[in-house]
Amino acid sequence: MRTIRLVGVGGILAYRALFNWTSPSLFIGSLLAAPVFQLLFFVYLGREIGVADDNFYVLGNVLLAATGACVTGGTMAIANERRYGTLGPVLLSARSRMALWGGRALPYIGNALLVMVFTLVCASVTVGLRMPSSGVPGLLLALVAASLSGTAFGMVIGSIGLRARNTMVVANIAYTMLILLTGTNVARDTLPAWLGWIGTVLPLTHATEAVRASSDGAGLMVALGYVAQETAVGLGYGALAAALLKYFEWTSRRGASLDAL
């Protein structure tokens, strides 16, 4: 029960303390309004250049909506511990690191799901969305997998914040890579082969394939295959984040510099 409390209550308290979405206006502007306007931008851009239909951009940008919530959130959940001077007490704690950092990830996973569903509803009302009823389960599973992998990806970037001073530069570069290489706004078959390979190890790529397959009427088993790949990517980033956090903590203790260099 103590571990559950640490994960749940500790994660919520850290979320409220370490991120900037604490007021309703900032929450609405950063998490809800911005993704909707980005989606509308790409939909109308797509109409002008005639590259793909509305569905292509709607589904891609619904998944991209998760990045502000979970990728950026996962980054700042760790990096802001150093920024606000609370990293030392966290690293000196004798509690499980998995519970400490895992609890910080949970609110951003929930944020991502909320933002994606809100963006999906707004897109359906404003520009329309063609999705057969048989594709809805695959769509929902893809949204969950994308939120998990995106948060794990953000935690990897955040772990670098135990050493680097400005992780938001890295987070912004990562966001650009997600736009270009995951198939959300640029078809992957138009990319050079080496860029396409990079996309296969990024979050959102396989979730994007899942939602597009679901939209085209593919069966649930097809979507589950892509969802499984997306989940595997998320587990890989989660393991990498845990390893980096452990390594940077060890080097900080070894150098007697718990607030990192």
C-alpha atoms as a PDB file:
ATOM      1  CA  MET A   1       0.000   0.000   0.000  1.00  0.00           C
ATOM      2  CA  ARG A   2       2.877   2.373   0.693  1.00  0.00           C
ATOM      3  CA  THR A   3       4.228   1.771  -2.793  1.00  0.00           C
ATOM      4  CA  ILE A   4       0.796   2.325  -4.349  1.00  0.00           C
ATOM      5  CA  ARG A   5       0.465   5.547  -2.374  1.00  0.00           C
ATOM      6  CA  LEU A   6       3.916   6.660  -3.511  1.00  0.00           C
ATOM      7  CA  VAL A   7       3.034   5.988  -7.143  1.00  0.00           C
ATOM      8  CA  GLY A   8      -0.433   7.547  -7.034  1.00  0.00           C
ATOM      9  CA  VAL A   9      -0.267  10.426  -4.569  1.00  0.00           C
ATOM     10  CA  GLY A  10       3.410  11.140  -5.195  1.00  0.00           C
ATOM     11  CA  GLY A  11       2.851  11.258  -8.951  1.00  0.00           C
ATOM     12  CA  ILE A  12      -0.083  13.648  -8.655  1.00  0.00           C
ATOM     13  CA  LEU A  13       1.742  15.965  -6.251  1.00  0.00           C
ATOM     14  CA  ALA A  14       4.818  16.017  -8.499  1.00  0.00           C
ATOM     15  CA  TYR A  15       2.600  16.707 -11.508  1.00  0.00           C
ATOM     16  CA  ARG A  16       1.010  19.705  -9.793  1.00  0.00           C
ATOM     17  CA  ALA A  17       4.329  21.014  -8.511  1.00  0.00           C
ATOM     18  CA  LEU A  18       6.687  20.448 -11.422  1.00  0.00           C
ATOM     19  CA  PHE A  19       4.724  21.416 -14.475  1.00  0.00           C
ATOM     20  CA  ASN A  20       3.178  24.642 -15.729  1.00  0.00           C
ATOM     21  CA  TRP A  21      -0.351  23.430 -16.438  1.00  0.00           C
ATOM     22  CA  THR A  22      -1.545  24.360 -12.974  1.00  0.00           C
ATOM     23  CA  SER A  23      -4.062  27.031 -14.000  1.00  0.00           C
ATOM     24  CA  PRO A  24      -7.134  26.298 -16.149  1.00  0.00           C
ATOM     25  CA  SER A  25      -6.186  28.889 -18.784  1.00  0.00           C
ATOM     26  CA  LEU A  26      -2.726  27.392 -19.305  1.00  0.00           C
ATOM     27  CA  PHE A  27      -4.130  23.862 -19.323  1.00  0.00           C
ATOM     28  CA  ILE A  28      -6.748  24.726 -21.937  1.00  0.00           C
ATOM     29  CA  GLY A  29      -4.353  26.741 -24.082  1.00  0.00           C
ATOM     30  CA  SER A  30      -1.402  24.355 -23.954  1.00  0.00           C
ATOM     31  CA  LEU A  31      -3.140  21.005 -24.003  1.00  0.00           C
ATOM     32  CA  LEU A  32      -6.547  21.445 -25.608  1.00  0.00           C
ATOM     33  CA  ALA A  33      -6.604  24.454 -27.923  1.00  0.00           C
ATOM     34  CA  ALA A  34      -3.139  24.166 -29.485  1.00  0.00           C
ATOM     35  CA  PRO A  35      -3.538  20.573 -30.807  1.00  0.00           C
ATOM     36  CA  VAL A  36      -6.927  21.400 -32.343  1.00  0.00           C
ATOM     37  CA  PHE A  37      -5.557  24.426 -34.178  1.00  0.00           C
ATOM     38  CA  GLN A  38      -2.554  22.419 -35.341  1.00  0.00           C
ATOM     39  CA  LEU A  39      -4.889  19.741 -36.698  1.00  0.00           C
ATOM     40  CA  LEU A  40      -6.975  22.322 -38.553  1.00  0.00           C
ATOM     41  CA  PHE A  41      -3.830  23.882 -39.996  1.00  0.00           C
ATOM     42  CA  PHE A  42      -2.630  20.605 -41.498  1.00  0.00           C
ATOM     43  CA  VAL A  43      -6.112  19.641 -42.716  1.00  0.00           C
ATOM     44  CA  TYR A  44      -6.537  22.895 -44.644  1.00  0.00           C
ATOM     45  CA  LEU A  45      -2.936  22.769 -45.847  1.00  0.00           C
ATOM     46  CA  GLY A  46      -3.583  19.270 -47.139  1.00  0.00           C
ATOM     47  CA  ARG A  47      -6.677  20.461 -48.974  1.00  0.00           C
ATOM     48  CA  GLU A  48      -4.701  23.194 -50.694  1.00  0.00           C
ATOM     49  CA  ILE A  49      -1.791  21.051 -51.830  1.00  0.00           C
ATOM     50  CA  GLY A  50      -3.920  17.983 -52.532  1.00  0.00           C
ATOM     51  CA  VAL A  51      -1.479  15.445 -51.116  1.00  0.00           C
ATOM     52  CA  ALA A  52      -3.898  13.464 -48.932  1.00  0.00           C
ATOM     53  CA  ASP A  53      -7.494  13.570 -47.724  1.00  0.00           C
ATOM     54  CA  ASP A  54      -8.777  15.015 -44.459  1.00  0.00           C
ATOM     55  CA  ASN A  55      -8.746  11.635 -42.732  1.00  0.00           C
ATOM     56  CA  PHE A  56      -4.992  11.351 -43.208  1.00  0.00           C
ATOM     57  CA  TYR A  57      -4.295  14.576 -41.330  1.00  0.00           C
ATOM     58  CA  VAL A  58      -7.037  14.170 -38.750  1.00  0.00           C
ATOM     59  CA  LEU A  59      -5.810  10.780 -37.579  1.00  0.00           C
ATOM     60  CA  GLY A  60      -2.157  11.787 -37.690  1.00  0.00           C
ATOM     61  CA  ASN A  61      -2.648  14.969 -35.712  1.00  0.00           C
ATOM     62  CA  VAL A  62      -4.876  13.297 -33.142  1.00  0.00           C
ATOM     63  CA  LEU A  63      -1.871  11.139 -32.289  1.00  0.00           C
ATOM     64  CA  LEU A  64       0.472  14.121 -32.416  1.00  0.00           C
ATOM     65  CA  ALA A  65      -1.775  15.815 -29.874  1.00  0.00           C
ATOM     66  CA  ALA A  66      -0.368  13.392 -27.332  1.00  0.00           C
ATOM     67  CA  THR A  67       3.152  14.750 -27.685  1.00  0.00           C
ATOM     68  CA  GLY A  68       2.493  17.958 -25.786  1.00  0.00           C
ATOM     69  CA  ALA A  69       0.893  15.998 -22.991  1.00  0.00           C
ATOM     70  CA  CYS A  70       3.155  12.985 -22.648  1.00  0.00           C
ATOM     71  CA  VAL A  71       6.441  13.620 -24.470  1.00  0.00           C
ATOM     72  CA  THR A  72       6.915  17.142 -23.146  1.00  0.00           C
ATOM     73  CA  GLY A  73       5.298  16.154 -19.858  1.00  0.00           C
ATOM     74  CA  GLY A  74       7.508  13.115 -19.420  1.00  0.00           C
ATOM     75  CA  THR A  75      10.538  15.284 -20.153  1.00  0.00           C
ATOM     76  CA  MET A  76       9.664  17.955 -17.612  1.00  0.00           C
ATOM     77  CA  ALA A  77       8.530  15.460 -14.982  1.00  0.00           C
ATOM     78  CA  ILE A  78      12.206  14.607 -14.513  1.00  0.00           C
ATOM     79  CA  ALA A  79      14.069  17.670 -15.782  1.00  0.00           C
ATOM     80  CA  ASN A  80      12.104  20.074 -13.572  1.00  0.00           C
ATOM     81  CA  GLU A  81      13.253  18.220 -10.457  1.00  0.00           C
ATOM     82  CA  ARG A  82      16.647  19.716 -11.164  1.00  0.00           C
ATOM     83  CA  ARG A  83      15.292  23.053 -12.370  1.00  0.00           C
ATOM     84  CA  TYR A  84      13.341  23.675  -9.148  1.00  0.00           C
ATOM     85  CA  GLY A  85      16.029  22.333  -6.823  1.00  0.00           C
ATOM     86  CA  THR A  86      14.203  19.202  -5.647  1.00  0.00           C
ATOM     87  CA  LEU A  87      16.406  16.627  -7.365  1.00  0.00           C
ATOM     88  CA  GLY A  88      18.697  16.140  -4.362  1.00  0.00           C
ATOM     89  CA  PRO A  89      15.949  15.004  -1.946  1.00  0.00           C
ATOM     90  CA  VAL A  90      14.504  12.713  -4.629  1.00  0.00           C
ATOM     91  CA  LEU A  91      17.837  10.992  -5.265  1.00  0.00           C
ATOM     92  CA  LEU A  92      18.533  10.740  -1.517  1.00  0.00           C
ATOM     93  CA  SER A  93      15.236   8.966  -0.930  1.00  0.00           C
ATOM     94  CA  ALA A  94      15.457   5.281  -0.064  1.00  0.00           C
ATOM     95  CA  ARG A  95      12.208   4.478  -1.893  1.00  0.00           C
ATOM     96  CA  SER A  96      12.001   2.432  -5.085  1.00  0.00           C
ATOM     97  CA  ARG A  97      13.165   4.389  -8.126  1.00  0.00           C
ATOM     98  CA  MET A  98      10.640   2.525 -10.264  1.00  0.00           C
ATOM     99  CA  ALA A  99       7.832   3.775  -8.020  1.00  0.00           C
ATOM    100  CA  LEU A 100       9.228   7.321  -7.848  1.00  0.00           C
ATOM    101  CA  TRP A 101       9.690   7.852 -11.577  1.00  0.00           C
ATOM    102  CA  GLY A 102       6.799   5.621 -12.640  1.00  0.00           C
ATOM    103  CA  GLY A 103       4.413   7.640 -10.498  1.00  0.00           C
ATOM    104  CA  ARG A 104       5.548  10.794 -12.250  1.00  0.00           C
ATOM    105  CA  ALA A 105       4.722   9.257 -15.625  1.00  0.00           C
ATOM    106  CA  LEU A 106       1.122   8.239 -14.877  1.00  0.00           C
ATOM    107  CA  PRO A 107      -0.491  11.725 -14.926  1.00  0.00           C
ATOM    108  CA  TYR A 108       0.999  12.424 -18.354  1.00  0.00           C
ATOM    109  CA  ILE A 109      -0.360   9.185 -19.761  1.00  0.00           C
ATOM    110  CA  GLY A 110      -3.801  10.274 -18.577  1.00  0.00           C
ATOM    111  CA  ASN A 111      -3.226  13.737 -20.018  1.00  0.00           C
ATOM    112  CA  ALA A 112      -2.340  12.266 -23.387  1.00  0.00           C
ATOM    113  CA  LEU A 113      -5.512  10.167 -23.532  1.00  0.00           C
ATOM    114  CA  LEU A 114      -7.653  13.151 -22.557  1.00  0.00           C
ATOM    115  CA  VAL A 115      -6.060  15.407 -25.168  1.00  0.00           C
ATOM    116  CA  MET A 116      -6.300  12.826 -27.959  1.00  0.00           C
ATOM    117  CA  VAL A 117      -9.977  12.099 -27.261  1.00  0.00           C
ATOM    118  CA  PHE A 118     -10.777  15.828 -27.063  1.00  0.00           C
ATOM    119  CA  THR A 119      -8.928  16.520 -30.314  1.00  0.00           C
ATOM    120  CA  LEU A 120     -10.663  13.572 -31.989  1.00  0.00           C
ATOM    121  CA  VAL A 121     -14.099  14.838 -30.944  1.00  0.00           C
ATOM    122  CA  CYS A 122     -13.334  18.383 -32.113  1.00  0.00           C
ATOM    123  CA  ALA A 123     -12.040  17.097 -35.446  1.00  0.00           C
ATOM    124  CA  SER A 124     -15.128  14.941 -35.938  1.00  0.00           C
ATOM    125  CA  VAL A 125     -17.378  17.941 -35.343  1.00  0.00           C
ATOM    126  CA  THR A 126     -15.447  20.490 -37.414  1.00  0.00           C
ATOM    127  CA  VAL A 127     -13.981  18.651 -40.416  1.00  0.00           C
ATOM    128  CA  GLY A 128     -15.466  15.169 -40.084  1.00  0.00           C
ATOM    129  CA  LEU A 129     -13.892  11.763 -39.601  1.00  0.00           C
ATOM    130  CA  ARG A 130     -14.567   8.607 -41.559  1.00  0.00           C
ATOM    131  CA  MET A 131     -14.170   5.640 -39.258  1.00  0.00           C
ATOM    132  CA  PRO A 132     -16.143   2.391 -39.595  1.00  0.00           C
ATOM    133  CA  SER A 133     -17.611   1.087 -36.349  1.00  0.00           C
ATOM    134  CA  SER A 134     -15.422  -2.012 -36.654  1.00  0.00           C
ATOM    135  CA  GLY A 135     -12.342   0.215 -36.533  1.00  0.00           C
ATOM    136  CA  VAL A 136     -13.178   1.949 -33.243  1.00  0.00           C
ATOM    137  CA  PRO A 137     -11.615  -0.731 -30.953  1.00  0.00           C
ATOM    138  CA  GLY A 138      -8.377  -0.609 -32.936  1.00  0.00           C
ATOM    139  CA  LEU A 139      -8.396   3.194 -32.767  1.00  0.00           C
ATOM    140  CA  LEU A 140      -8.831   3.215 -28.988  1.00  0.00           C
ATOM    141  CA  LEU A 141      -6.098   0.636 -28.445  1.00  0.00           C
ATOM    142  CA  ALA A 142      -3.754   2.655 -30.654  1.00  0.00           C
ATOM    143  CA  LEU A 143      -4.420   5.793 -28.598  1.00  0.00           C
ATOM    144  CA  VAL A 144      -3.546   3.981 -25.379  1.00  0.00           C
ATOM    145  CA  ALA A 145      -0.363   2.500 -26.881  1.00  0.00           C
ATOM    146  CA  ALA A 146       0.673   5.912 -28.248  1.00  0.00           C
ATOM    147  CA  SER A 147       0.241   7.564 -24.859  1.00  0.00           C
ATOM    148  CA  LEU A 148       2.376   4.894 -23.178  1.00  0.00           C
ATOM    149  CA  SER A 149       5.187   4.974 -25.734  1.00  0.00           C
ATOM    150  CA  GLY A 150       5.154   8.770 -25.937  1.00  0.00           C
ATOM    151  CA  THR A 151       5.493   9.117 -22.174  1.00  0.00           C
ATOM    152  CA  ALA A 152       8.350   6.607 -22.082  1.00  0.00           C
ATOM    153  CA  PHE A 153      10.044   8.562 -24.886  1.00  0.00           C
ATOM    154  CA  GLY A 154       9.637  11.759 -22.877  1.00  0.00           C
ATOM    155  CA  MET A 155      11.131  10.090 -19.815  1.00  0.00           C
ATOM    156  CA  VAL A 156      14.222   9.220 -21.860  1.00  0.00           C
ATOM    157  CA  ILE A 157      14.621  12.875 -22.827  1.00  0.00           C
ATOM    158  CA  GLY A 158      13.886  13.915 -19.245  1.00  0.00           C
ATOM    159  CA  SER A 159      16.598  11.610 -17.905  1.00  0.00           C
ATOM    160  CA  ILE A 160      19.094  13.611 -19.942  1.00  0.00           C
ATOM    161  CA  GLY A 161      17.958  16.566 -17.820  1.00  0.00           C
ATOM    162  CA  LEU A 162      19.883  15.081 -14.915  1.00  0.00           C
ATOM    163  CA  ARG A 163      22.976  16.161 -16.847  1.00  0.00           C
ATOM    164  CA  ALA A 164      22.001  18.646 -19.569  1.00  0.00           C
ATOM    165  CA  ARG A 165      20.754  22.071 -18.572  1.00  0.00           C
ATOM    166  CA  ASN A 166      18.159  22.636 -21.312  1.00  0.00           C
ATOM    167  CA  THR A 167      16.257  19.523 -22.288  1.00  0.00           C
ATOM    168  CA  MET A 168      13.463  21.460 -24.000  1.00  0.00           C
ATOM    169  CA  VAL A 169      15.778  21.985 -26.978  1.00  0.00           C
ATOM    170  CA  VAL A 170      16.034  18.210 -27.285  1.00  0.00           C
ATOM    171  CA  ALA A 171      12.268  17.855 -26.755  1.00  0.00           C
ATOM    172  CA  ASN A 172      11.532  20.347 -29.548  1.00  0.00           C
ATOM    173  CA  ILE A 173      13.846  18.498 -31.936  1.00  0.00           C
ATOM    174  CA  ALA A 174      12.155  15.238 -30.974  1.00  0.00           C
ATOM    175  CA  TYR A 175       8.727  16.763 -31.655  1.00  0.00           C
ATOM    176  CA  THR A 176       9.850  17.810 -35.132  1.00  0.00           C
ATOM    177  CA  MET A 177      11.080  14.279 -35.780  1.00  0.00           C
ATOM    178  CA  LEU A 178       7.690  12.905 -34.755  1.00  0.00           C
ATOM    179  CA  ILE A 179       5.958  15.212 -37.245  1.00  0.00           C
ATOM    180  CA  LEU A 180       8.254  14.269 -40.120  1.00  0.00           C
ATOM    181  CA  LEU A 181       9.199  10.630 -39.591  1.00  0.00           C
ATOM    182  CA  THR A 182       6.266   8.816 -37.977  1.00  0.00           C
ATOM    183  CA  GLY A 183       3.742   9.087 -40.804  1.00  0.00           C
ATOM    184  CA  THR A 184       1.434  11.441 -38.941  1.00  0.00           C
ATOM    185  CA  ASN A 185       1.698  14.279 -41.464  1.00  0.00           C
ATOM    186  CA  VAL A 186       4.158  12.959 -44.060  1.00  0.00           C
ATOM    187  CA  ALA A 187       3.581   9.582 -45.707  1.00  0.00           C
ATOM    188  CA  ARG A 188       6.484   7.334 -44.752  1.00  0.00           C
ATOM    189  CA  ASP A 189       6.720   5.770 -48.195  1.00  0.00           C
ATOM    190  CA  THR A 190       7.792   9.165 -49.571  1.00  0.00           C
ATOM    191  CA  LEU A 191      10.786   9.364 -47.230  1.00  0.00           C
ATOM    192  CA  PRO A 192      14.295   8.096 -47.964  1.00  0.00           C
ATOM    193  CA  ALA A 193      14.828   4.565 -46.678  1.00  0.00           C
ATOM    194  CA  TRP A 194      17.153   5.613 -43.847  1.00  0.00           C
ATOM    195  CA  LEU A 195      14.658   8.156 -42.544  1.00  0.00           C
ATOM    196  CA  GLY A 196      11.930   5.534 -42.737  1.00  0.00           C
ATOM    197  CA  TRP A 197      14.088   3.230 -40.606  1.00  0.00           C
ATOM    198  CA  ILE A 198      14.473   5.932 -37.955  1.00  0.00           C
ATOM    199  CA  GLY A 199      10.712   6.280 -37.918  1.00  0.00           C
ATOM    200  CA  THR A 200      10.237   2.612 -37.055  1.00  0.00           C
ATOM    201  CA  VAL A 201      11.963   3.107 -33.681  1.00  0.00           C
ATOM    202  CA  LEU A 202      10.085   6.309 -32.789  1.00  0.00           C
ATOM    203  CA  PRO A 203       6.844   6.414 -30.817  1.00  0.00           C
ATOM    204  CA  LEU A 204       3.575   7.048 -32.721  1.00  0.00           C
ATOM    205  CA  THR A 205       4.787   5.339 -35.918  1.00  0.00           C
ATOM    206  CA  HIS A 206       3.104   1.995 -35.370  1.00  0.00           C
ATOM    207  CA  ALA A 207       0.115   3.603 -33.643  1.00  0.00           C
ATOM    208  CA  THR A 208      -0.338   5.712 -36.762  1.00  0.00           C
ATOM    209  CA  GLU A 209      -0.333   2.564 -38.883  1.00  0.00           C
ATOM    210  CA  ALA A 210      -2.919   1.054 -36.548  1.00  0.00           C
ATOM    211  CA  VAL A 211      -5.353   3.960 -36.778  1.00  0.00           C
ATOM    212  CA  ARG A 212      -4.965   4.210 -40.549  1.00  0.00           C
ATOM    213  CA  ALA A 213      -5.619   0.466 -40.916  1.00  0.00           C
ATOM    214  CA  SER A 214      -8.661   0.773 -38.654  1.00  0.00           C
ATOM    215  CA  SER A 215      -9.915   3.707 -40.701  1.00  0.00           C
ATOM    216  CA  ASP A 216      -9.574   1.657 -43.889  1.00  0.00           C
ATOM    217  CA  GLY A 217     -11.747  -1.108 -42.439  1.00  0.00           C
ATOM    218  CA  ALA A 218      -9.011  -3.593 -41.524  1.00  0.00           C
ATOM    219  CA  GLY A 219      -9.876  -6.123 -38.853  1.00  0.00           C
ATOM    220  CA  LEU A 220      -8.982  -5.800 -35.211  1.00  0.00           C
ATOM    221  CA  MET A 221      -6.197  -8.384 -35.522  1.00  0.00           C
ATOM    222  CA  VAL A 222      -4.388  -6.173 -38.034  1.00  0.00           C
ATOM    223  CA  ALA A 223      -4.580  -3.197 -35.669  1.00  0.00           C
ATOM    224  CA  LEU A 224      -3.450  -5.380 -32.762  1.00  0.00           C
ATOM    225  CA  GLY A 225      -0.275  -6.234 -34.645  1.00  0.00           C
ATOM    226  CA  TYR A 226       0.630  -2.560 -34.963  1.00  0.00           C
ATOM    227  CA  VAL A 227      -0.434  -1.875 -31.370  1.00  0.00           C
ATOM    228  CA  ALA A 228       1.869  -4.664 -30.181  1.00  0.00           C
ATOM    229  CA  GLN A 229       4.763  -3.075 -32.071  1.00  0.00           C
ATOM    230  CA  GLU A 230       3.962   0.336 -30.581  1.00  0.00           C
ATOM    231  CA  THR A 231       3.858  -1.202 -27.112  1.00  0.00           C
ATOM    232  CA  ALA A 232       7.221  -2.866 -27.719  1.00  0.00           C
ATOM    233  CA  VAL A 233       8.693   0.506 -28.700  1.00  0.00           C
ATOM    234  CA  GLY A 234       7.279   2.014 -25.511  1.00  0.00           C
ATOM    235  CA  LEU A 235       8.721  -0.771 -23.357  1.00  0.00           C
ATOM    236  CA  GLY A 236      12.087  -0.255 -25.030  1.00  0.00           C
ATOM    237  CA  TYR A 237      12.087   3.451 -24.233  1.00  0.00           C
ATOM    238  CA  GLY A 238      10.887   2.714 -20.709  1.00  0.00           C
ATOM    239  CA  ALA A 239      13.817   0.361 -20.151  1.00  0.00           C
ATOM    240  CA  LEU A 240      16.224   2.908 -21.640  1.00  0.00           C
ATOM    241  CA  ALA A 241      14.853   5.651 -19.377  1.00  0.00           C
ATOM    242  CA  ALA A 242      15.258   3.439 -16.299  1.00  0.00           C
ATOM    243  CA  ALA A 243      18.837   2.593 -17.286  1.00  0.00           C
ATOM    244  CA  LEU A 244      19.765   6.224 -17.917  1.00  0.00           C
ATOM    245  CA  LEU A 245      18.211   7.385 -14.648  1.00  0.00           C
ATOM    246  CA  LYS A 246      20.095   4.683 -12.769  1.00  0.00           C
ATOM    247  CA  TYR A 247      23.352   5.525 -14.502  1.00  0.00           C
ATOM    248  CA  PHE A 248      23.100   9.295 -14.001  1.00  0.00           C
ATOM    249  CA  GLU A 249      22.157   8.818 -10.354  1.00  0.00           C
ATOM    250  CA  TRP A 250      25.143   6.524  -9.861  1.00  0.00           C
ATOM    251  CA  THR A 251      27.547   8.981 -11.487  1.00  0.00           C
ATOM    252  CA  SER A 252      26.092  11.858  -9.450  1.00  0.00           C
ATOM    253  CA  ARG A 253      26.603   9.952  -6.210  1.00  0.00           C
ATOM    254  CA  ARG A 254      30.095   8.955  -7.283  1.00  0.00           C
ATOM    255  CA  GLY A 255      30.981  12.582  -8.000  1.00  0.00           C
ATOM    256  CA  ALA A 256      29.107  13.923  -4.932  1.00  0.00           C
ATOM    257  CA  SER A 257      27.004  16.108  -7.204  1.00  0.00           C
ATOM    258  CA  LEU A 258      23.396  15.022  -6.692  1.00  0.00           C
ATOM    259  CA  ASP A 259      22.082  18.071  -8.531  1.00  0.00           C
ATOM    260  CA  ALA A 260      24.121  17.000 -11.580  1.00  0.00           C
ATOM    261  CA  LEU A 261      26.852  18.967 -13.283  1.00  0.00           C
END
